[in-house]
Amino acid sequence: MKIKWYAHAAFSLEGSGVRIIADPYTPEKSGFKPIEDTADIVLRCAHDDSAHGNAEMIQGDPEIVTATWILGGGISVKGIEISAIPTKESMRHKLEPRDNAMYRFTMDGLRILHFGDVGNRITEAQLDQMSDVDIAIVPAGGPPTIELGDLCDALDVIKPKITIPMHYALPGCKFPKMLDVEDFTSRFQPESIFWGKDEVVNVSSATLPNSPQIWVLVATHAG
């Protein structure tokens, strides 16, 4: 599977003859470059969040899957099984926190969990739906998304083979101040951190690390 990080929470994940673009932002509001790649599927944590749900930007006539709309049992699209876990924006840092959802799917035998815009400590009920995760894509910029301590507690339980941080301070970002990625990576042993240099990383079930790693990817669309 090929993974590309555009910026913020937006990713391309390509495998099994399908390209998924996850949580596309709105360039004018985010400060990040427009995404010009086509997709077969667009996944988004919510429909009403311009930082995560701008499916209209993505070309290629993709199927659009909104995680908050598939909470009843998931959906199968182009051979990809997708399910969602209900969450909310921060109830401490938002005056009117909106609903969103984490979502998980399997591609090329890899089990992926995208945390979306989760803003609060992960509950036991949510953790029960997060078992057997190979790759977790997590917001690592602190409030108004999940506190780093709460995020690390969840990762200690989930134990993904690869954790990819997102949603942190980047050049050109117009969103309110977020933490630098080093605030997150400093909580782990240096030998467990992989600092990506290429625009696209490749991973398969055969090449998953034996022990958990943090993969810091290149934000290809940051300013």
Protein backbone atom coordinates (compact mmCIF):
# COMPACT_ATOMS: atom_id res chain seq x y z
CA MET A 1 0.00 0.00 0.00
CA LYS A 2 1.17 3.53 -0.82
CA ILE A 3 0.56 6.28 1.73
CA LYS A 4 0.87 9.99 1.01
CA TRP A 5 0.20 12.79 3.48
CA TYR A 6 -1.01 16.03 1.95
CA ALA A 7 -1.35 18.09 5.14
CA HIS A 8 -3.53 18.38 8.26
CA ALA A 9 -5.68 15.20 8.30
CA ALA A 10 -5.71 14.56 4.54
CA PHE A 11 -4.08 11.40 3.17
CA SER A 12 -3.99 9.28 0.06
CA LEU A 13 -3.96 5.53 0.68
CA GLU A 14 -3.62 3.41 -2.42
CA GLY A 15 -3.80 -0.35 -2.76
CA SER A 16 -5.96 -3.20 -4.08
CA GLY A 17 -6.53 -1.13 -7.22
CA VAL A 18 -8.31 1.55 -5.17
CA ARG A 19 -7.20 5.00 -4.07
CA ILE A 20 -8.78 6.48 -0.94
CA ILE A 21 -8.39 10.15 -0.05
CA ALA A 22 -9.15 10.79 3.60
CA ASP A 23 -10.36 13.97 5.32
CA PRO A 24 -9.69 16.54 2.56
CA TYR A 25 -9.39 20.14 3.80
CA THR A 26 -10.54 23.40 2.22
CA PRO A 27 -7.44 25.16 0.79
CA GLU A 28 -8.72 28.72 1.27
CA LYS A 29 -9.41 28.19 4.96
CA SER A 30 -6.48 25.91 5.77
CA GLY A 31 -3.63 27.58 3.88
CA PHE A 32 -2.65 24.27 2.27
CA LYS A 33 -2.38 23.60 -1.46
CA PRO A 34 -5.34 22.12 -3.35
CA ILE A 35 -5.35 18.35 -3.77
CA GLU A 36 -5.33 17.51 -7.47
CA ASP A 37 -5.09 13.71 -7.22
CA THR A 38 -8.13 11.69 -8.23
CA ALA A 39 -9.72 9.14 -5.94
CA ASP A 40 -12.06 6.18 -6.05
CA ILE A 41 -13.31 6.80 -2.50
CA VAL A 42 -13.30 9.88 -0.29
CA LEU A 43 -13.57 9.19 3.43
CA ARG A 44 -14.32 12.00 5.85
CA CYS A 45 -14.96 12.16 9.57
CA ALA A 46 -17.85 14.61 9.15
CA HIS A 47 -19.69 16.44 6.38
CA ASP A 48 -19.84 19.86 8.09
CA ASP A 49 -16.16 20.47 8.89
CA SER A 50 -14.28 22.41 6.22
CA ALA A 51 -10.96 21.24 7.68
CA HIS A 52 -11.85 17.57 7.17
CA GLY A 53 -14.79 17.20 4.82
CA ASN A 54 -14.15 19.01 1.52
CA ALA A 55 -14.99 16.06 -0.73
CA GLU A 56 -15.99 18.41 -3.54
CA MET A 57 -12.32 19.24 -4.16
CA ILE A 58 -11.44 15.66 -5.09
CA GLN A 59 -11.66 14.72 -8.77
CA GLY A 60 -12.37 11.36 -10.38
CA ASP A 61 -16.07 10.97 -9.46
CA PRO A 62 -15.28 9.22 -6.15
CA GLU A 63 -17.74 7.51 -3.84
CA ILE A 64 -18.06 9.76 -0.78
CA VAL A 65 -18.30 8.06 2.61
CA THR A 66 -19.07 10.21 5.65
CA ALA A 67 -18.15 8.40 8.85
CA THR A 68 -20.93 9.94 10.94
CA TRP A 69 -23.47 8.52 8.47
CA ILE A 70 -22.34 4.87 8.67
CA LEU A 71 -22.35 4.34 12.44
CA GLY A 72 -25.04 1.67 12.29
CA GLY A 73 -22.78 -1.08 10.97
CA GLY A 74 -20.50 0.26 8.30
CA ILE A 75 -20.49 0.02 4.54
CA SER A 76 -18.72 -1.81 1.70
CA VAL A 77 -17.47 0.38 -1.16
CA LYS A 78 -15.44 -0.95 -4.10
CA GLY A 79 -14.51 -4.01 -2.08
CA ILE A 80 -13.32 -1.99 0.95
CA GLU A 81 -15.14 -2.62 4.23
CA ILE A 82 -15.43 0.64 6.20
CA SER A 83 -16.76 1.11 9.73
CA ALA A 84 -16.93 4.11 12.05
CA ILE A 85 -16.66 4.93 15.75
CA PRO A 86 -18.64 7.95 17.02
CA THR A 87 -16.64 10.81 18.55
CA LYS A 88 -16.99 14.51 19.24
CA GLU A 89 -14.94 17.67 18.99
CA SER A 90 -13.34 18.80 22.25
CA MET A 91 -15.93 19.39 24.96
CA ARG A 92 -13.36 21.45 26.88
CA HIS A 93 -12.06 23.70 24.12
CA LYS A 94 -15.12 24.10 21.87
CA LEU A 95 -18.19 26.14 22.81
CA GLU A 96 -20.41 24.03 20.57
CA PRO A 97 -18.57 20.75 19.87
CA ARG A 98 -19.80 18.97 16.77
CA ASP A 99 -20.11 15.26 16.14
CA ASN A 100 -17.52 13.47 14.04
CA ALA A 101 -16.23 9.92 13.83
CA MET A 102 -13.09 7.87 13.62
CA TYR A 103 -13.13 5.33 10.82
CA ARG A 104 -11.39 2.06 10.06
CA PHE A 105 -10.95 -0.06 6.97
CA THR A 106 -8.72 -2.82 5.59
CA MET A 107 -6.64 -2.41 2.43
CA ASP A 108 -4.04 -4.83 1.09
CA GLY A 109 -4.39 -6.82 4.30
CA LEU A 110 -3.53 -3.77 6.46
CA ARG A 111 -6.00 -2.60 9.09
CA ILE A 112 -6.15 1.20 9.14
CA LEU A 113 -7.68 3.47 11.78
CA HIS A 114 -8.02 7.22 11.09
CA PHE A 115 -8.80 9.24 14.22
CA GLY A 116 -10.51 12.07 12.33
CA ASP A 117 -11.07 15.13 14.53
CA VAL A 118 -11.46 13.40 17.88
CA GLY A 119 -11.25 15.95 20.68
CA ASN A 120 -11.62 14.00 23.91
CA ARG A 121 -10.13 11.12 25.86
CA ILE A 122 -10.88 7.76 24.24
CA THR A 123 -13.53 5.86 26.19
CA GLU A 124 -13.55 2.17 27.02
CA ALA A 125 -16.45 1.67 24.60
CA GLN A 126 -14.43 3.29 21.81
CA LEU A 127 -11.31 1.30 22.67
CA ASP A 128 -13.34 -1.91 22.41
CA GLN A 129 -13.85 -1.11 18.72
CA MET A 130 -10.15 -0.43 18.05
CA SER A 131 -8.58 -3.84 18.42
CA ASP A 132 -6.27 -5.31 15.77
CA VAL A 133 -5.04 -2.06 14.23
CA ASP A 134 -1.91 -2.13 12.08
CA ILE A 135 -1.72 1.59 11.21
CA ALA A 136 -3.23 4.39 13.32
CA ILE A 137 -3.38 7.92 11.90
CA VAL A 138 -3.68 10.27 14.87
CA PRO A 139 -4.04 14.02 15.61
CA ALA A 140 -0.83 15.03 17.39
CA GLY A 141 -1.18 18.80 17.69
CA GLY A 142 -3.00 18.85 21.02
CA PRO A 143 -6.14 20.90 21.72
CA PRO A 144 -8.59 21.51 20.27
CA THR A 145 -8.07 17.86 19.32
CA ILE A 146 -7.26 15.17 21.87
CA GLU A 147 -4.71 15.94 24.61
CA LEU A 148 -1.37 14.22 23.93
CA GLY A 149 -1.44 12.37 27.24
CA ASP A 150 -4.87 10.96 26.46
CA LEU A 151 -3.75 10.05 22.95
CA CYS A 152 -0.70 8.18 24.23
CA ASP A 153 -2.85 6.32 26.77
CA ALA A 154 -5.07 5.13 23.92
CA LEU A 155 -2.08 4.06 21.82
CA ASP A 156 -0.75 2.06 24.78
CA VAL A 157 -3.96 0.03 24.64
CA ILE A 158 -4.39 -0.18 20.85
CA LYS A 159 -0.72 -0.94 20.16
CA PRO A 160 -0.69 -0.26 16.41
CA LYS A 161 2.41 -1.39 14.56
CA ILE A 162 2.69 2.05 12.92
CA THR A 163 1.39 5.35 14.24
CA ILE A 164 1.31 8.27 11.81
CA PRO A 165 0.91 11.71 13.42
CA MET A 166 -1.16 14.38 11.66
CA HIS A 167 -3.07 17.56 12.54
CA TYR A 168 -0.12 19.46 14.03
CA ALA A 169 1.66 22.75 13.27
CA LEU A 170 2.81 23.05 9.65
CA PRO A 171 4.18 25.90 7.50
CA GLY A 172 1.43 27.99 5.94
CA CYS A 173 -1.32 26.68 8.21
CA LYS A 174 -4.16 29.15 8.87
CA PHE A 175 -5.75 27.16 11.66
CA PRO A 176 -5.26 28.23 15.31
CA LYS A 177 -1.89 27.38 16.83
CA MET A 178 -1.21 23.67 17.24
CA LEU A 179 1.75 21.91 18.81
CA ASP A 180 4.81 20.88 16.82
CA VAL A 181 5.19 17.19 16.03
CA GLU A 182 8.21 17.01 18.35
CA ASP A 183 5.86 17.53 21.31
CA PHE A 184 4.40 14.16 20.36
CA THR A 185 7.52 12.29 19.25
CA SER A 186 9.43 13.32 22.39
CA ARG A 187 7.19 10.96 24.35
CA PHE A 188 8.71 7.94 22.60
CA GLN A 189 12.14 6.36 22.36
CA PRO A 190 14.18 7.93 19.54
CA GLU A 191 14.88 4.55 17.95
CA SER A 192 11.14 4.02 17.44
CA ILE A 193 10.76 7.19 15.31
CA PHE A 194 10.98 6.98 11.51
CA TRP A 195 11.41 10.37 9.84
CA GLY A 196 10.17 10.06 6.27
CA LYS A 197 11.99 11.85 3.46
CA ASP A 198 9.96 10.77 0.42
CA GLU A 199 6.54 12.00 -0.63
CA VAL A 200 5.13 8.47 -0.65
CA VAL A 201 5.85 5.61 1.74
CA ASN A 202 5.18 1.95 0.97
CA VAL A 203 4.09 -0.62 3.51
CA SER A 204 2.72 -4.14 3.37
CA SER A 205 1.66 -6.74 5.91
CA ALA A 206 5.03 -8.44 5.32
CA THR A 207 7.02 -5.28 6.10
CA LEU A 208 5.22 -4.16 9.25
CA PRO A 209 7.70 -3.55 12.08
CA ASN A 210 7.98 -6.10 14.85
CA SER A 211 7.61 -3.42 17.52
CA PRO A 212 5.54 -0.21 17.42
CA GLN A 213 6.98 2.69 15.44
CA ILE A 214 6.06 6.33 14.86
CA TRP A 215 6.26 7.36 11.20
CA VAL A 216 6.51 11.11 10.63
CA LEU A 217 5.65 11.70 6.99
CA VAL A 218 6.37 14.58 4.60
CA ALA A 219 3.45 17.01 4.29
CA THR A 220 3.47 17.41 0.52
CA HIS A 221 0.91 20.25 0.42
CA ALA A 222 2.07 22.43 3.31
CA GLY A 223 3.09 25.99 2.46
